[in-house]
Amino acid sequence: MARKSGGNFADLPGRFGLDVVEGLDTDIKTVHEQYTHRLAALRLRFIGSTQLAPFEREAADAATKAVVTRAGEDPNAATLCPKVRDAAAARSFQEQGMSPAPWVEDYRRVFQRTTQCSEHEFFDQPVVHMIVLSSAEVDAATLGDAFQQLQQQSPQPRIIAQNIYSGDIPLYYVVVHDNATSRTRAAELDKALQGLHGPGMSRLLQVNSGDEVTGWFNHQDGMTVRAFMHDFASRYVVPCMERKIRTLYANIAEHRKGFGNSLKSWFGGAQKAERVGVTLYAGNTPPQYTCVALESQIRLFADLTFMLEYYDVALKHYRMVRDDYKNDKANKCYAGAMEMIGVCLLYLGGSRREIETNLEQAIVIYQRERCTPLATRATFLLFDCYKLWRRNFDASRVLLRASDHETENDCRAAIMLELAGYCFLQMSPSQY
């Protein structure tokens, strides 16, 4: 049904620019059940169960290379990209907030997605499990059985089967109806759906109100999907995140409160027999954490609070879990915590020196652990900071260093060299 509009259901909101829910104005509660601030907007990402997995290197390279190829083949590329004829033009682009290579933002967005589902962070831990049926495949009498059968037949993502991500995910039920077919059938299915799961956990979504000539997905469908996204985010997604945060906080507080637990953490953590969900190895092999490990729960708590803009709370817990990872010599996880400490400090207006130090250390550790894509991701963050602070020399320096490490992706190395070149032109005086 969604293919009539040029894609699948998971891509539907993002393809039409409806994945960012604005005007949310939802009161966010703290872990102590107090309201602290209003969340103005939230970006929702839908991903099919078969796609919830890390990218293979070949697939990641192909996805990012496709962005460069499209940019090169775009007949409007010459007009979209401002020409840098001299140093003065380069500096004027910077002053106006323009980029000499605007397509690089698309590249970075795709590249960021290719680092998804890494075991050291939980930004891709599903918040809601949405089960979607087409109205053409079910009827009102068998709707409940159809949902149950689909849920049983859906393959469990490996990252959940391995207990890296938790499989304890709230369910939400959706029936998608093609308006080119019977409206009476839609009303019957809606009544059955509400009887099974109620309005808070289910929705009938009607699309394709257009025609083959003007396009199946029209303005009315856009308004329908926008209203659905707003309702889904404010009434279900955010409350689910709040409940998860409170549950995690209670468990973290139980294990970390008190002087005895503080000493235990300071002197290297609990004994092996007490480490639930952690597999420790001899030598330099890093430990493995499952979703029930306290370290994983602290990291998930920090990631969830960060997404809800509790940057001070997130920062506190990134620092907490950073020390645990350091004690365990879990270097990749340690670098990930350092990376997010730098990002939180940036949002909070923290010390520039501390932001720089945390991101620099994250980059160095990622490179040492041969996590080159993650090192490049952190490099782009530090590059953004330097550009924000108008430190073009340092921005070019980190890009040049990172390009040397991108030995297996010449295209990404070339992009960083190009951006470094623009930084040299934007210096005062220009370096060329």
Protein backbone atom coordinates (compact mmCIF):
# COMPACT_ATOMS: atom_id res chain seq x y z
CA MET A 1 0.00 0.00 0.00
CA ALA A 2 2.79 2.43 0.94
CA ARG A 3 4.60 1.46 -2.28
CA LYS A 4 1.91 3.34 -4.23
CA SER A 5 3.50 6.45 -2.71
CA GLY A 6 7.02 5.32 -3.57
CA GLY A 7 8.31 3.45 -0.52
CA ASN A 8 7.42 1.37 2.53
CA PHE A 9 5.60 2.22 5.73
CA ALA A 10 8.75 2.77 7.80
CA ASP A 11 9.97 5.37 5.27
CA LEU A 12 6.60 7.11 4.89
CA PRO A 13 6.98 9.90 7.51
CA GLY A 14 10.59 10.74 6.67
CA ARG A 15 10.03 10.72 2.92
CA PHE A 16 7.46 13.50 3.21
CA GLY A 17 9.25 15.44 5.94
CA LEU A 18 6.82 14.36 8.67
CA ASP A 19 9.29 12.57 10.96
CA VAL A 20 9.95 15.70 13.06
CA VAL A 21 6.99 16.30 15.37
CA GLU A 22 6.87 20.03 16.05
CA GLY A 23 4.54 21.97 18.28
CA LEU A 24 4.64 19.08 20.72
CA ASP A 25 4.56 21.24 23.88
CA THR A 26 4.55 18.14 26.09
CA ASP A 27 5.35 18.48 29.79
CA ILE A 28 8.28 16.24 30.66
CA LYS A 29 8.45 14.78 34.16
CA THR A 30 11.62 14.25 36.09
CA VAL A 31 12.39 10.95 37.78
CA HIS A 32 10.79 12.43 40.88
CA GLU A 33 7.43 12.91 39.07
CA GLN A 34 7.89 16.66 38.82
CA TYR A 35 7.42 18.70 35.65
CA THR A 36 10.58 20.49 34.59
CA HIS A 37 10.24 21.69 31.02
CA ARG A 38 8.17 21.40 27.88
CA LEU A 39 9.50 19.37 24.98
CA ALA A 40 8.88 21.46 21.87
CA ALA A 41 9.79 18.91 19.19
CA LEU A 42 10.87 15.30 18.76
CA ARG A 43 12.24 13.43 15.77
CA LEU A 44 10.81 9.93 15.38
CA ARG A 45 12.58 7.26 13.39
CA PHE A 46 10.79 4.19 12.13
CA ILE A 47 12.84 1.14 11.22
CA GLY A 48 11.74 -2.33 10.14
CA SER A 49 12.66 -5.24 12.40
CA THR A 50 14.93 -6.70 9.71
CA GLN A 51 16.81 -3.41 9.45
CA LEU A 52 17.58 -3.11 13.18
CA ALA A 53 21.19 -4.20 12.86
CA PRO A 54 24.67 -2.75 12.42
CA PHE A 55 25.66 -1.92 8.86
CA GLU A 56 28.14 -4.23 7.18
CA ARG A 57 31.14 -2.28 5.95
CA GLU A 58 30.33 -2.86 2.28
CA ALA A 59 26.73 -1.69 2.74
CA ALA A 60 27.85 1.38 4.68
CA ASP A 61 30.38 2.33 2.00
CA ALA A 62 27.78 1.86 -0.73
CA ALA A 63 25.22 4.03 1.09
CA THR A 64 27.63 6.94 1.58
CA LYS A 65 29.13 6.63 -1.90
CA ALA A 66 25.62 6.88 -3.38
CA VAL A 67 25.26 10.38 -1.84
CA VAL A 68 28.42 11.56 -3.59
CA THR A 69 27.34 9.97 -6.86
CA ARG A 70 23.92 11.66 -6.75
CA ALA A 71 25.53 15.02 -5.99
CA GLY A 72 27.86 14.65 -8.96
CA GLU A 73 25.03 13.68 -11.31
CA ASP A 74 22.69 16.46 -10.16
CA PRO A 75 22.28 18.88 -13.11
CA ASN A 76 21.67 21.70 -10.61
CA ALA A 77 24.84 21.02 -8.64
CA ALA A 78 26.64 23.97 -10.20
CA THR A 79 23.98 26.40 -9.00
CA LEU A 80 23.47 24.76 -5.60
CA CYS A 81 27.15 24.86 -4.68
CA PRO A 82 28.53 28.41 -4.35
CA LYS A 83 31.82 28.83 -6.16
CA VAL A 84 34.87 29.57 -4.04
CA ARG A 85 36.88 31.81 -6.35
CA ASP A 86 39.08 33.38 -3.70
CA ALA A 87 39.66 33.61 0.06
CA ALA A 88 37.26 36.53 0.47
CA ALA A 89 34.43 34.48 -1.03
CA ALA A 90 35.22 31.59 1.31
CA ARG A 91 35.08 33.87 4.35
CA SER A 92 31.79 35.41 3.19
CA PHE A 93 30.24 31.96 2.97
CA GLN A 94 31.23 31.34 6.57
CA GLU A 95 29.87 34.67 7.75
CA GLN A 96 26.53 33.98 6.06
CA GLY A 97 26.34 30.49 7.55
CA MET A 98 26.66 28.90 4.10
CA SER A 99 28.64 25.83 3.12
CA PRO A 100 30.74 25.68 -0.05
CA ALA A 101 29.70 22.02 -0.29
CA PRO A 102 26.07 21.78 0.91
CA TRP A 103 25.74 18.16 -0.19
CA VAL A 104 28.20 17.20 2.56
CA GLU A 105 25.36 17.54 5.09
CA ASP A 106 23.46 14.80 3.26
CA TYR A 107 26.61 12.71 3.29
CA ARG A 108 27.07 13.20 7.02
CA ARG A 109 23.43 12.32 7.72
CA VAL A 110 23.76 9.03 5.83
CA PHE A 111 27.17 8.34 7.35
CA GLN A 112 25.76 8.90 10.84
CA ARG A 113 23.08 6.31 10.16
CA THR A 114 25.68 3.75 9.05
CA THR A 115 27.04 3.76 12.61
CA GLN A 116 23.65 2.58 13.98
CA CYS A 117 23.11 -0.26 16.45
CA SER A 118 26.60 -0.27 17.89
CA GLU A 119 26.75 -2.35 21.06
CA HIS A 120 28.36 0.49 23.04
CA GLU A 121 25.37 2.89 22.90
CA PHE A 122 21.58 2.76 23.02
CA PHE A 123 20.26 5.54 20.80
CA ASP A 124 18.79 2.87 18.52
CA GLN A 125 17.20 0.82 21.33
CA PRO A 126 13.53 0.63 20.20
CA VAL A 127 11.22 2.69 22.39
CA VAL A 128 7.99 1.28 20.90
CA HIS A 129 7.32 -1.88 18.90
CA MET A 130 4.73 -0.92 16.29
CA ILE A 131 2.85 -3.80 14.65
CA VAL A 132 1.36 -2.71 11.32
CA LEU A 133 -1.25 -4.51 9.22
CA SER A 134 -2.80 -3.61 5.90
CA SER A 135 -6.59 -3.43 5.86
CA ALA A 136 -6.51 -5.44 2.63
CA GLU A 137 -5.09 -8.44 4.49
CA VAL A 138 -7.49 -8.67 7.45
CA ASP A 139 -11.11 -8.26 8.41
CA ALA A 140 -12.73 -7.07 11.62
CA ALA A 141 -13.52 -10.57 12.92
CA THR A 142 -9.94 -11.90 12.69
CA LEU A 143 -8.02 -8.72 13.49
CA GLY A 144 -6.76 -9.90 16.89
CA ASP A 145 -5.52 -13.21 15.47
CA ALA A 146 -3.83 -11.43 12.58
CA PHE A 147 -1.86 -9.16 14.93
CA GLN A 148 -0.81 -12.11 17.06
CA GLN A 149 0.27 -14.13 14.03
CA LEU A 150 2.27 -11.25 12.59
CA GLN A 151 4.00 -10.69 15.92
CA GLN A 152 4.95 -14.36 16.15
CA GLN A 153 6.21 -14.53 12.58
CA SER A 154 8.27 -11.33 12.71
CA PRO A 155 11.99 -12.18 12.97
CA GLN A 156 13.63 -11.03 16.16
CA PRO A 157 16.57 -8.72 15.44
CA ARG A 158 19.87 -10.35 16.32
CA ILE A 159 20.87 -7.44 18.54
CA ILE A 160 17.81 -8.20 20.71
CA ALA A 161 18.26 -11.98 20.52
CA GLN A 162 21.81 -11.49 21.82
CA ASN A 163 20.43 -9.42 24.75
CA ILE A 164 22.44 -6.36 23.78
CA TYR A 165 19.19 -4.44 23.33
CA SER A 166 16.21 -5.21 25.54
CA GLY A 167 13.24 -7.06 24.05
CA ASP A 168 10.91 -5.61 26.69
CA ILE A 169 9.32 -3.03 24.38
CA PRO A 170 5.78 -1.58 24.63
CA LEU A 171 3.48 -2.54 21.74
CA TYR A 172 1.42 -0.24 19.52
CA TYR A 173 -1.02 -1.52 16.88
CA VAL A 174 -1.72 0.15 13.54
CA VAL A 175 -4.00 -0.78 10.64
CA VAL A 176 -3.22 1.11 7.42
CA HIS A 177 -6.19 1.57 5.10
CA ASP A 178 -6.08 2.51 1.41
CA ASN A 179 -8.72 5.19 0.83
CA ALA A 180 -9.02 4.04 -2.77
CA THR A 181 -10.97 1.09 -1.36
CA SER A 182 -14.11 0.80 0.77
CA ARG A 183 -14.56 3.44 3.50
CA THR A 184 -17.14 1.18 5.16
CA ARG A 185 -14.45 -1.46 5.67
CA ALA A 186 -12.27 1.16 7.31
CA ALA A 187 -15.01 2.03 9.82
CA GLU A 188 -15.50 -1.65 10.70
CA LEU A 189 -11.78 -2.20 11.24
CA ASP A 190 -11.48 0.95 13.35
CA LYS A 191 -14.29 -0.23 15.63
CA ALA A 192 -12.69 -3.66 15.99
CA LEU A 193 -9.26 -2.14 16.64
CA GLN A 194 -10.53 0.14 19.40
CA GLY A 195 -12.35 -2.78 20.96
CA LEU A 196 -9.16 -4.85 21.04
CA HIS A 197 -6.56 -2.33 22.20
CA GLY A 198 -8.28 0.99 22.87
CA PRO A 199 -7.39 4.41 21.44
CA GLY A 200 -4.26 4.78 23.54
CA MET A 201 -2.46 1.78 22.03
CA SER A 202 -3.81 1.62 18.48
CA ARG A 203 -4.72 3.66 15.43
CA LEU A 204 -6.39 3.25 12.03
CA LEU A 205 -4.33 5.27 9.54
CA GLN A 206 -6.01 6.13 6.24
CA VAL A 207 -3.80 7.16 3.31
CA ASN A 208 -3.77 7.32 -0.50
CA SER A 209 -6.62 9.81 -0.82
CA GLY A 210 -5.36 11.04 -4.19
CA ASP A 211 -5.38 9.37 -7.58
CA GLU A 212 -3.01 7.92 -10.14
CA VAL A 213 -2.79 11.20 -12.06
CA THR A 214 -2.06 13.69 -9.26
CA GLY A 215 -0.37 11.19 -6.94
CA TRP A 216 -1.83 8.82 -4.39
CA PHE A 217 -0.35 10.61 -1.36
CA ASN A 218 -1.89 14.08 -1.34
CA HIS A 219 -2.10 17.07 1.01
CA GLN A 220 -4.94 15.51 3.01
CA ASP A 221 -2.84 12.40 3.62
CA GLY A 222 0.02 14.60 4.78
CA MET A 223 -2.23 16.27 7.33
CA THR A 224 -3.50 12.85 8.46
CA VAL A 225 0.01 11.46 8.96
CA ARG A 226 1.13 14.66 10.69
CA ALA A 227 -1.78 14.41 13.16
CA PHE A 228 -1.01 10.72 13.72
CA MET A 229 2.67 11.46 14.41
CA HIS A 230 1.79 14.21 16.87
CA ASP A 231 -0.70 12.03 18.73
CA PHE A 232 1.62 9.01 18.70
CA ALA A 233 4.58 11.02 20.01
CA SER A 234 2.79 12.99 22.73
CA ARG A 235 0.43 10.32 24.01
CA TYR A 236 2.51 7.18 23.67
CA VAL A 237 6.20 7.57 22.81
CA VAL A 238 7.09 10.25 25.37
CA PRO A 239 5.13 8.57 28.23
CA CYS A 240 6.84 5.26 27.39
CA MET A 241 10.23 6.95 27.56
CA GLU A 242 9.34 8.61 30.87
CA ARG A 243 8.24 5.29 32.40
CA LYS A 244 11.43 3.58 31.22
CA ILE A 245 13.54 6.39 32.65
CA ARG A 246 11.84 6.11 36.05
CA THR A 247 12.29 2.32 36.09
CA LEU A 248 15.96 2.61 35.19
CA TYR A 249 16.53 5.37 37.73
CA ALA A 250 15.03 3.27 40.53
CA ASN A 251 17.31 0.34 39.67
CA ILE A 252 20.41 2.53 39.34
CA ALA A 253 19.67 4.27 42.63
CA GLU A 254 19.16 0.93 44.40
CA HIS A 255 22.56 -0.36 43.27
CA ARG A 256 24.51 2.87 43.52
CA LYS A 257 23.13 4.65 46.57
CA GLY A 258 24.95 4.56 49.89
CA PHE A 259 28.54 4.87 50.97
CA GLY A 260 29.29 1.17 50.53
CA ASN A 261 28.25 1.11 46.90
CA SER A 262 30.19 4.30 46.20
CA LEU A 263 33.37 2.70 47.58
CA LYS A 264 32.70 -0.47 45.60
CA SER A 265 32.44 1.54 42.37
CA TRP A 266 35.52 3.61 43.21
CA PHE A 267 37.72 0.57 43.82
CA GLY A 268 36.86 -1.22 40.59
CA GLY A 269 33.23 -2.31 40.78
CA ALA A 270 31.54 -5.37 42.19
CA GLN A 271 33.13 -8.77 42.31
CA LYS A 272 32.66 -11.06 39.30
CA ALA A 273 29.97 -13.10 41.03
CA GLU A 274 27.93 -9.96 41.58
CA ARG A 275 28.18 -8.61 38.03
CA VAL A 276 24.83 -9.45 36.49
CA GLY A 277 24.86 -9.34 32.69
CA VAL A 278 28.63 -8.83 32.42
CA THR A 279 31.13 -11.33 31.01
CA LEU A 280 34.70 -10.52 31.99
CA TYR A 281 37.70 -11.99 30.20
CA ALA A 282 41.35 -12.38 31.07
CA GLY A 283 44.03 -10.29 29.43
CA ASN A 284 43.16 -7.34 27.21
CA THR A 285 39.86 -8.71 25.89
CA PRO A 286 37.12 -6.18 26.69
CA PRO A 287 34.10 -7.34 28.70
CA GLN A 288 30.72 -8.01 27.15
CA TYR A 289 27.63 -6.29 28.55
CA THR A 290 24.05 -7.42 28.06
CA CYS A 291 21.04 -5.17 28.46
CA VAL A 292 20.55 -6.23 32.10
CA ALA A 293 24.05 -5.14 33.13
CA LEU A 294 24.02 -2.11 35.38
CA GLU A 295 26.46 -0.35 33.06
CA SER A 296 24.08 -0.87 30.12
CA GLN A 297 21.17 0.45 32.14
CA ILE A 298 23.11 3.58 33.14
CA ARG A 299 24.09 4.17 29.52
CA LEU A 300 20.49 3.64 28.33
CA PHE A 301 19.25 6.01 31.04
CA ALA A 302 21.74 8.65 29.88
CA ASP A 303 20.78 8.21 26.21
CA LEU A 304 17.04 8.47 26.94
CA THR A 305 17.41 11.56 29.11
CA PHE A 306 19.62 13.12 26.43
CA MET A 307 16.92 12.53 23.80
CA LEU A 308 14.38 14.26 26.06
CA GLU A 309 16.80 17.20 26.49
CA TYR A 310 17.71 16.48 30.14
CA TYR A 311 21.30 17.34 29.31
CA ASP A 312 22.43 17.91 32.90
CA VAL A 313 21.00 14.57 34.08
CA ALA A 314 22.43 12.79 31.04
CA LEU A 315 25.85 14.34 31.65
CA LYS A 316 25.91 13.11 35.24
CA HIS A 317 25.20 9.53 34.18
CA TYR A 318 27.58 9.56 31.21
CA ARG A 319 30.28 10.50 33.68
CA MET A 320 29.14 7.77 36.05
CA VAL A 321 29.26 5.01 33.44
CA ARG A 322 32.50 6.38 31.95
CA ASP A 323 34.28 5.52 35.19
CA ASP A 324 32.79 2.01 35.19
CA TYR A 325 33.94 1.41 31.63
CA LYS A 326 37.40 2.71 32.47
CA ASN A 327 37.69 0.32 35.42
CA ASP A 328 36.62 -2.59 33.18
CA LYS A 329 38.99 -1.50 30.38
CA ALA A 330 35.98 -1.45 28.04
CA ASN A 331 37.71 1.07 25.81
CA LYS A 332 35.13 1.40 23.04
CA CYS A 333 32.35 1.98 25.58
CA TYR A 334 34.62 4.38 27.45
CA ALA A 335 35.21 6.40 24.29
CA GLY A 336 31.46 6.49 23.62
CA ALA A 337 30.79 7.96 27.05
CA MET A 338 33.52 10.57 26.54
CA GLU A 339 32.00 11.50 23.18
CA MET A 340 28.58 12.11 24.74
CA ILE A 341 30.06 14.03 27.69
CA GLY A 342 31.50 16.45 25.14
CA VAL A 343 28.13 16.78 23.37
CA CYS A 344 26.25 17.38 26.64
CA LEU A 345 28.74 20.04 27.71
CA LEU A 346 28.28 21.75 24.35
CA TYR A 347 24.51 21.92 24.83
CA LEU A 348 24.93 23.13 28.41
CA GLY A 349 27.41 25.86 27.47
CA GLY A 350 30.22 24.15 29.34
CA SER A 351 33.95 24.76 29.23
CA ARG A 352 35.27 24.76 25.68
CA ARG A 353 38.47 23.18 26.91
CA GLU A 354 36.56 20.33 28.54
CA ILE A 355 34.43 19.77 25.43
CA GLU A 356 37.55 19.67 23.29
CA THR A 357 39.40 17.33 25.66
CA ASN A 358 36.56 14.80 25.86
CA LEU A 359 36.01 14.66 22.10
CA GLU A 360 39.77 14.48 21.42
CA GLN A 361 40.16 11.57 23.84
CA ALA A 362 37.16 9.80 22.33
CA ILE A 363 38.71 10.10 18.85
CA VAL A 364 42.09 8.79 20.01
CA ILE A 365 40.57 5.78 21.79
CA TYR A 366 38.27 4.93 18.88
CA GLN A 367 41.27 5.00 16.55
CA ARG A 368 43.31 2.87 18.92
CA GLU A 369 40.48 0.32 19.05
CA ARG A 370 40.28 0.40 15.23
CA CYS A 371 36.75 1.81 15.27
CA THR A 372 37.54 4.19 12.39
CA PRO A 373 33.92 5.13 11.49
CA LEU A 374 33.21 6.05 15.11
CA ALA A 375 36.43 8.06 15.28
CA THR A 376 35.35 9.92 12.14
CA ARG A 377 31.90 10.53 13.63
CA ALA A 378 33.48 12.11 16.71
CA THR A 379 35.86 14.07 14.46
CA PHE A 380 32.91 15.65 12.65
CA LEU A 381 31.49 16.67 16.04
CA LEU A 382 34.76 18.30 17.06
CA PHE A 383 34.98 19.94 13.63
CA ASP A 384 31.52 21.46 14.22
CA CYS A 385 32.67 22.80 17.58
CA TYR A 386 35.76 24.42 16.09
CA LYS A 387 33.69 25.99 13.31
CA LEU A 388 31.23 27.29 15.89
CA TRP A 389 34.12 28.82 17.82
CA ARG A 390 35.67 30.15 14.56
CA ARG A 391 38.86 28.16 15.08
CA ASN A 392 39.44 27.24 11.45
CA PHE A 393 43.02 26.11 11.95
CA ASP A 394 41.99 23.53 14.57
CA ALA A 395 39.02 22.48 12.40
CA SER A 396 41.37 21.77 9.49
CA ARG A 397 43.85 20.01 11.78
CA VAL A 398 41.37 17.41 13.07
CA LEU A 399 40.07 16.76 9.55
CA LEU A 400 43.56 16.22 8.15
CA ARG A 401 44.40 13.85 10.99
CA ALA A 402 41.18 11.88 10.52
CA SER A 403 41.70 11.62 6.75
CA ASP A 404 45.01 9.86 7.40
CA HIS A 405 43.17 7.18 9.39
CA GLU A 406 40.49 6.61 6.73
CA THR A 407 42.70 4.15 4.89
CA GLU A 408 39.77 1.92 3.84
CA ASN A 409 37.46 4.67 2.58
CA ASP A 410 39.16 7.00 0.11
CA CYS A 411 35.91 8.88 -0.58
CA ARG A 412 35.45 9.88 3.07
CA ALA A 413 39.12 10.83 3.34
CA ALA A 414 38.73 13.05 0.25
CA ILE A 415 35.65 14.76 1.72
CA MET A 416 37.56 15.63 4.89
CA LEU A 417 40.47 16.95 2.84
CA GLU A 418 38.06 19.13 0.85
CA LEU A 419 36.48 20.53 4.03
CA ALA A 420 39.94 21.13 5.48
CA GLY A 421 40.82 23.11 2.36
CA TYR A 422 37.82 25.38 2.88
CA CYS A 423 38.94 25.90 6.49
CA PHE A 424 42.35 27.10 5.27
CA LEU A 425 40.66 29.58 2.93
CA GLN A 426 38.42 30.84 5.75
CA MET A 427 41.35 31.63 8.04
CA SER A 428 42.41 35.22 8.54
CA PRO A 429 44.79 35.65 6.87
CA SER A 430 43.94 32.85 4.44
CA GLN A 431 46.36 29.95 4.15
CA TYR A 432 46.94 28.88 0.54
